[in-house]
C-alpha atoms as a PDB file:
ATOM      1  CA  MET A   1     -48.727 124.956-123.932  1.00  0.00           C
ATOM      2  CA  THR A   2     -48.863 126.335-126.985  1.00  0.00           C
ATOM      3  CA  LEU A   3     -46.908 123.552-128.101  1.00  0.00           C
ATOM      4  CA  LEU A   4     -49.176 120.920-126.873  1.00  0.00           C
ATOM      5  CA  LEU A   5     -52.213 122.420-128.289  1.00  0.00           C
ATOM      6  CA  LEU A   6     -50.877 122.625-131.656  1.00  0.00           C
ATOM      7  CA  PHE A   7     -50.477 119.012-131.137  1.00  0.00           C
ATOM      8  CA  SER A   8     -53.865 118.289-129.947  1.00  0.00           C
ATOM      9  CA  GLY A   9     -55.268 118.270-133.302  1.00  0.00           C
ATOM     10  CA  CYS A  10     -53.429 114.444-134.201  1.00  0.00           C
ATOM     11  CA  GLU A  11     -56.187 112.063-135.484  1.00  0.00           C
ATOM     12  CA  ASN A  12     -55.255 108.725-136.307  1.00  0.00           C
ATOM     13  CA  LYS A  13     -58.179 107.405-138.175  1.00  0.00           C
ATOM     14  CA  ASP A  14     -56.122 105.156-140.262  1.00  0.00           C
ATOM     15  CA  VAL A  15     -55.240 103.296-137.139  1.00  0.00           C
ATOM     16  CA  GLU A  16     -58.377 100.572-135.995  1.00  0.00           C
ATOM     17  CA  ALA A  17     -58.908  99.571-132.695  1.00  0.00           C
ATOM     18  CA  ASP A  18     -60.653  96.976-131.185  1.00  0.00           C
ATOM     19  CA  TYR A  19     -62.634  98.659-127.740  1.00  0.00           C
ATOM     20  CA  LEU A  20     -63.751  95.930-125.204  1.00  0.00           C
ATOM     21  CA  PHE A  21     -65.895  97.621-122.399  1.00  0.00           C
ATOM     22  CA  PHE A  22     -66.029  96.185-118.943  1.00  0.00           C
ATOM     23  CA  ASP A  23     -68.174  97.776-116.118  1.00  0.00           C
ATOM     24  CA  ASN A  24     -65.345  99.647-114.076  1.00  0.00           C
ATOM     25  CA  GLU A  25     -62.730  99.455-117.669  1.00  0.00           C
ATOM     26  CA  VAL A  26     -62.513  99.835-120.628  1.00  0.00           C
ATOM     27  CA  VAL A  27     -59.256  97.327-122.522  1.00  0.00           C
ATOM     28  CA  VAL A  28     -58.777  99.366-126.177  1.00  0.00           C
ATOM     29  CA  LEU A  29     -56.735  96.376-128.613  1.00  0.00           C
ATOM     30  CA  VAL A  30     -54.292  98.079-131.182  1.00  0.00           C
ATOM     31  CA  ASP A  31     -52.411  96.349-133.872  1.00  0.00           C
ATOM     32  CA  VAL A  32     -49.596  98.710-135.457  1.00  0.00           C
ATOM     33  CA  ASN A  33     -47.241  96.977-137.613  1.00  0.00           C
ATOM     34  CA  ASP A  34     -47.339  93.444-136.166  1.00  0.00           C
ATOM     35  CA  THR A  35     -47.175  94.871-132.602  1.00  0.00           C
ATOM     36  CA  LEU A  36     -50.120  94.745-130.276  1.00  0.00           C
ATOM     37  CA  LEU A  37     -51.055  97.976-127.797  1.00  0.00           C
ATOM     38  CA  VAL A  38     -53.435  97.009-124.937  1.00  0.00           C
ATOM     39  CA  LEU A  39     -54.689 100.610-123.162  1.00  0.00           C
ATOM     40  CA  SER A  40     -56.534 100.173-120.220  1.00  0.00           C
ATOM     41  CA  ILE A  41     -58.689 102.702-119.510  1.00  0.00           C
ATOM     42  CA  PRO A  42     -61.043 103.421-116.201  1.00  0.00           C
ATOM     43  CA  ARG A  43     -64.198 103.978-116.730  1.00  0.00           C
ATOM     44  CA  GLU A  44     -63.965 107.372-114.683  1.00  0.00           C
ATOM     45  CA  VAL A  45     -61.679 108.798-116.836  1.00  0.00           C
ATOM     46  CA  VAL A  46     -63.861 107.743-120.388  1.00  0.00           C
ATOM     47  CA  LEU A  47     -66.989 109.391-118.187  1.00  0.00           C
ATOM     48  CA  SER A  48     -65.418 112.508-117.223  1.00  0.00           C
ATOM     49  CA  TYR A  49     -64.112 113.059-120.946  1.00  0.00           C
ATOM     50  CA  GLY A  50     -67.569 112.829-121.907  1.00  0.00           C
ATOM     51  CA  SER A  51     -69.145 114.912-119.381  1.00  0.00           C
ATOM     52  CA  TYR A  52     -66.499 117.529-120.219  1.00  0.00           C
ATOM     53  CA  LYS A  53     -67.591 116.663-123.804  1.00  0.00           C
ATOM     54  CA  LYS A  54     -70.979 116.547-123.411  1.00  0.00           C
ATOM     55  CA  ILE A  55     -70.810 112.834-124.634  1.00  0.00           C
ATOM     56  CA  GLU A  56     -73.026 110.169-123.058  1.00  0.00           C
ATOM     57  CA  GLY A  57     -71.573 107.235-121.002  1.00  0.00           C
ATOM     58  CA  THR A  58     -68.623 105.234-122.105  1.00  0.00           C
ATOM     59  CA  GLN A  59     -69.050 106.045-126.166  1.00  0.00           C
ATOM     60  CA  ALA A  60     -66.724 108.736-125.376  1.00  0.00           C
ATOM     61  CA  ILE A  61     -63.372 106.991-125.374  1.00  0.00           C
ATOM     62  CA  PHE A  62     -63.887 106.852-129.304  1.00  0.00           C
ATOM     63  CA  GLY A  63     -63.310 110.782-129.501  1.00  0.00           C
ATOM     64  CA  LEU A  64     -60.938 110.598-126.550  1.00  0.00           C
ATOM     65  CA  LEU A  65     -58.105 108.531-128.577  1.00  0.00           C
ATOM     66  CA  GLY A  66     -59.335 109.512-132.008  1.00  0.00           C
ATOM     67  CA  LEU A  67     -58.679 106.002-133.714  1.00  0.00           C
ATOM     68  CA  LYS A  68     -61.038 104.563-136.103  1.00  0.00           C
ATOM     69  CA  VAL A  69     -63.204 102.231-134.752  1.00  0.00           C
ATOM     70  CA  GLY A  70     -63.362  98.396-134.711  1.00  0.00           C
ATOM     71  CA  THR A  71     -64.852  95.651-132.387  1.00  0.00           C
ATOM     72  CA  VAL A  72     -66.901  96.954-129.589  1.00  0.00           C
ATOM     73  CA  THR A  73     -67.757  94.463-126.992  1.00  0.00           C
ATOM     74  CA  TYR A  74     -69.618  94.847-123.511  1.00  0.00           C
ATOM     75  CA  ALA A  75     -69.031  92.461-120.409  1.00  0.00           C
ATOM     76  CA  SER A  76     -69.405  93.002-116.862  1.00  0.00           C
ATOM     77  CA  ALA A  77     -66.971  93.645-114.395  1.00  0.00           C
ATOM     78  CA  GLU A  78     -67.165  89.469-112.768  1.00  0.00           C
ATOM     79  CA  ASN A  79     -65.801  88.458-116.061  1.00  0.00           C
ATOM     80  CA  LEU A  80     -63.118  90.732-116.133  1.00  0.00           C
ATOM     81  CA  GLU A  81     -61.952  89.211-112.720  1.00  0.00           C
ATOM     82  CA  GLU A  82     -62.087  85.866-114.028  1.00  0.00           C
ATOM     83  CA  ILE A  83     -59.612  86.560-116.947  1.00  0.00           C
ATOM     84  CA  ARG A  84     -58.158  88.183-115.199  1.00  0.00           C
ATOM     85  CA  THR A  85     -57.331  85.033-112.544  1.00  0.00           C
ATOM     86  CA  LEU A  86     -56.991  82.866-115.942  1.00  0.00           C
ATOM     87  CA  LEU A  87     -53.943  84.894-116.971  1.00  0.00           C
ATOM     88  CA  ALA A  88     -52.542  85.601-113.324  1.00  0.00           C
ATOM     89  CA  ALA A  89     -52.481  81.434-113.579  1.00  0.00           C
ATOM     90  CA  LEU A  90     -50.038  81.824-116.518  1.00  0.00           C
ATOM     91  CA  ALA A  91     -48.128  84.426-115.379  1.00  0.00           C
ATOM     92  CA  PHE A  92     -47.416  82.358-111.856  1.00  0.00           C
ATOM     93  CA  GLU A  93     -46.485  79.693-113.725  1.00  0.00           C
ATOM     94  CA  GLN A  94     -43.573  81.651-116.100  1.00  0.00           C
ATOM     95  CA  GLY A  95     -42.642  83.160-113.030  1.00  0.00           C
ATOM     96  CA  LEU A  96     -44.193  86.883-114.207  1.00  0.00           C
ATOM     97  CA  ASP A  97     -45.231  89.545-112.143  1.00  0.00           C
ATOM     98  CA  ASP A  98     -49.522  89.253-111.015  1.00  0.00           C
ATOM     99  CA  ASP A  99     -49.838  92.709-112.987  1.00  0.00           C
ATOM    100  CA  ALA A 100     -51.666  93.405-115.769  1.00  0.00           C
ATOM    101  CA  SER A 101     -48.234  93.916-118.008  1.00  0.00           C
ATOM    102  CA  GLY A 102     -47.206  90.564-116.947  1.00  0.00           C
ATOM    103  CA  ARG A 103     -51.051  88.353-117.461  1.00  0.00           C
ATOM    104  CA  ILE A 104     -50.633  90.432-120.394  1.00  0.00           C
ATOM    105  CA  LEU A 105     -47.103  89.026-121.572  1.00  0.00           C
ATOM    106  CA  ALA A 106     -48.171  85.668-120.147  1.00  0.00           C
ATOM    107  CA  LEU A 107     -50.283  84.962-122.778  1.00  0.00           C
ATOM    108  CA  TYR A 108     -48.386  86.644-125.695  1.00  0.00           C
ATOM    109  CA  ARG A 109     -45.807  84.103-124.331  1.00  0.00           C
ATOM    110  CA  GLN A 110     -47.803  81.168-124.434  1.00  0.00           C
ATOM    111  CA  ALA A 111     -50.409  81.877-127.887  1.00  0.00           C
ATOM    112  CA  LYS A 112     -48.691  79.289-129.531  1.00  0.00           C
ATOM    113  CA  CYS A 113     -48.864  76.512-127.212  1.00  0.00           C
ATOM    114  CA  LEU A 114     -52.289  77.364-126.409  1.00  0.00           C
ATOM    115  CA  ARG A 115     -54.003  78.643-129.484  1.00  0.00           C
ATOM    116  CA  LYS A 116     -55.677  75.020-129.374  1.00  0.00           C
ATOM    117  CA  SER A 117     -56.656  74.942-125.890  1.00  0.00           C
ATOM    118  CA  GLY A 118     -60.046  75.816-124.508  1.00  0.00           C
ATOM    119  CA  LEU A 119     -58.405  78.890-123.754  1.00  0.00           C
ATOM    120  CA  PRO A 120     -59.813  80.489-126.583  1.00  0.00           C
ATOM    121  CA  ASP A 121     -63.361  79.857-126.233  1.00  0.00           C
ATOM    122  CA  THR A 122     -63.321  80.969-122.698  1.00  0.00           C
ATOM    123  CA  LEU A 123     -61.331  84.374-123.123  1.00  0.00           C
ATOM    124  CA  ALA A 124     -64.536  84.794-126.148  1.00  0.00           C
ATOM    125  CA  LYS A 125     -66.787  83.559-123.401  1.00  0.00           C
ATOM    126  CA  LEU A 126     -66.069  86.075-120.864  1.00  0.00           C
ATOM    127  CA  SER A 127     -65.545  89.386-122.864  1.00  0.00           C
ATOM    128  CA  GLY A 128     -67.283  88.925-125.808  1.00  0.00           C
ATOM    129  CA  TYR A 129     -64.889  89.566-128.208  1.00  0.00           C
ATOM    130  CA  PRO A 130     -63.285  86.812-130.594  1.00  0.00           C
ATOM    131  CA  VAL A 131     -60.340  85.486-129.002  1.00  0.00           C
ATOM    132  CA  SER A 132     -57.244  84.610-131.638  1.00  0.00           C
ATOM    133  CA  LEU A 133     -54.453  83.210-130.051  1.00  0.00           C
ATOM    134  CA  GLU A 134     -52.743  82.335-133.374  1.00  0.00           C
ATOM    135  CA  LYS A 135     -52.886  86.073-134.139  1.00  0.00           C
ATOM    136  CA  LEU A 136     -51.416  86.948-130.626  1.00  0.00           C
ATOM    137  CA  ALA A 137     -48.670  84.316-131.343  1.00  0.00           C
ATOM    138  CA  HIS A 138     -47.654  86.628-134.623  1.00  0.00           C
ATOM    139  CA  TYR A 139     -47.293  90.112-133.399  1.00  0.00           C
ATOM    140  CA  LYS A 140     -43.598  90.896-132.739  1.00  0.00           C
ATOM    141  CA  SER A 141     -44.468  92.672-129.662  1.00  0.00           C
ATOM    142  CA  CYS A 142     -47.048  93.500-127.234  1.00  0.00           C
ATOM    143  CA  HIS A 143     -47.390  96.156-124.876  1.00  0.00           C
ATOM    144  CA  HIS A 144     -49.656  97.205-122.355  1.00  0.00           C
ATOM    145  CA  PHE A 145     -50.607 100.506-121.417  1.00  0.00           C
ATOM    146  CA  ASP A 146     -52.280 101.898-118.034  1.00  0.00           C
ATOM    147  CA  LEU A 147     -53.927 105.342-118.393  1.00  0.00           C
ATOM    148  CA  GLY A 148     -55.315 105.396-114.485  1.00  0.00           C
ATOM    149  CA  GLN A 149     -51.382 105.352-113.770  1.00  0.00           C
ATOM    150  CA  ILE A 150     -50.491 108.254-116.259  1.00  0.00           C
ATOM    151  CA  LEU A 151     -53.593 110.699-116.085  1.00  0.00           C
ATOM    152  CA  GLU A 152     -54.951 112.158-112.450  1.00  0.00           C
ATOM    153  CA  ILE A 153     -58.328 112.672-113.180  1.00  0.00           C
ATOM    154  CA  ASP A 154     -60.699 114.793-110.353  1.00  0.00           C
ATOM    155  CA  ASP A 155     -63.411 117.918-110.929  1.00  0.00           C
ATOM    156  CA  THR A 156     -60.816 120.636-111.448  1.00  0.00           C
ATOM    157  CA  THR A 157     -59.440 117.930-114.026  1.00  0.00           C
ATOM    158  CA  ASP A 158     -58.615 120.740-117.299  1.00  0.00           C
ATOM    159  CA  TRP A 159     -59.357 118.714-119.745  1.00  0.00           C
ATOM    160  CA  GLN A 160     -58.623 120.605-122.785  1.00  0.00           C
ATOM    161  CA  SER A 161     -55.165 119.989-121.794  1.00  0.00           C
ATOM    162  CA  THR A 162     -55.388 116.106-120.987  1.00  0.00           C
ATOM    163  CA  GLU A 163     -57.440 115.769-124.487  1.00  0.00           C
ATOM    164  CA  ALA A 164     -54.126 116.995-125.805  1.00  0.00           C
ATOM    165  CA  TYR A 165     -51.859 115.378-123.520  1.00  0.00           C
ATOM    166  CA  VAL A 166     -53.240 111.829-123.791  1.00  0.00           C
ATOM    167  CA  ARG A 167     -53.493 112.245-127.778  1.00  0.00           C
ATOM    168  CA  ILE A 168     -49.957 112.916-128.116  1.00  0.00           C
ATOM    169  CA  TRP A 169     -49.378 110.081-125.770  1.00  0.00           C
ATOM    170  CA  LEU A 170     -51.212 108.139-128.044  1.00  0.00           C
ATOM    171  CA  GLU A 171     -48.907 109.078-131.125  1.00  0.00           C
ATOM    172  CA  GLY A 172     -46.012 108.124-128.912  1.00  0.00           C
ATOM    173  CA  ALA A 173     -47.983 104.629-127.815  1.00  0.00           C
ATOM    174  CA  LEU A 174     -48.231 104.249-131.436  1.00  0.00           C
ATOM    175  CA  ARG A 175     -45.030 105.341-132.936  1.00  0.00           C
ATOM    176  CA  LEU A 176     -43.311 102.754-131.079  1.00  0.00           C
ATOM    177  CA  GLY A 177     -45.222  99.969-133.092  1.00  0.00           C
ATOM    178  CA  ASN A 178     -44.314 101.518-136.112  1.00  0.00           C
ATOM    179  CA  LYS A 179     -40.269 102.026-134.509  1.00  0.00           C
ATOM    180  CA  GLU A 180     -40.348  98.328-133.788  1.00  0.00           C
ATOM    181  CA  GLN A 181     -41.672  97.419-137.138  1.00  0.00           C
ATOM    182  CA  MET A 182     -38.251  98.832-139.228  1.00  0.00           C
ATOM    183  CA  ILE A 183     -35.928  97.471-136.256  1.00  0.00           C
END
């Protein structure tokens, strides 16, 4: 526990993240040395942390991750579902699983071919985020992480320990991007 608390002060203020807020989830995009990290964070995690820190609404995610804030957009849960449906079709076409990782991998693999199609404009309209499939095509790798699968949040969550855990976990994810650059 002491070691966990020692590292919990680690912040990644030099790393910039883009935040896409949907009604029920936050999607965070982090560019680390030509590796794209996509973090899915359930709204309940953000709100619970915000309650602990006495930060209003979804803005608590900025404090939890400790990353420099880049682009911030807001869209509805319905728009997120439409995005997932579009990406599920891409995943199906490629024989990938219809889960978040499979859908993101499908988009990543097809980015170069799809960059001149209408898909980037459609994704941008639905997410409010300026989608660049050309930029996506230049990443050396892409990884998806679902914090809803990693964290179990309820009324008894010890946020002091959980906050430290999230920061250490994020450090590991960022190191993954740095290591891939060195290979």
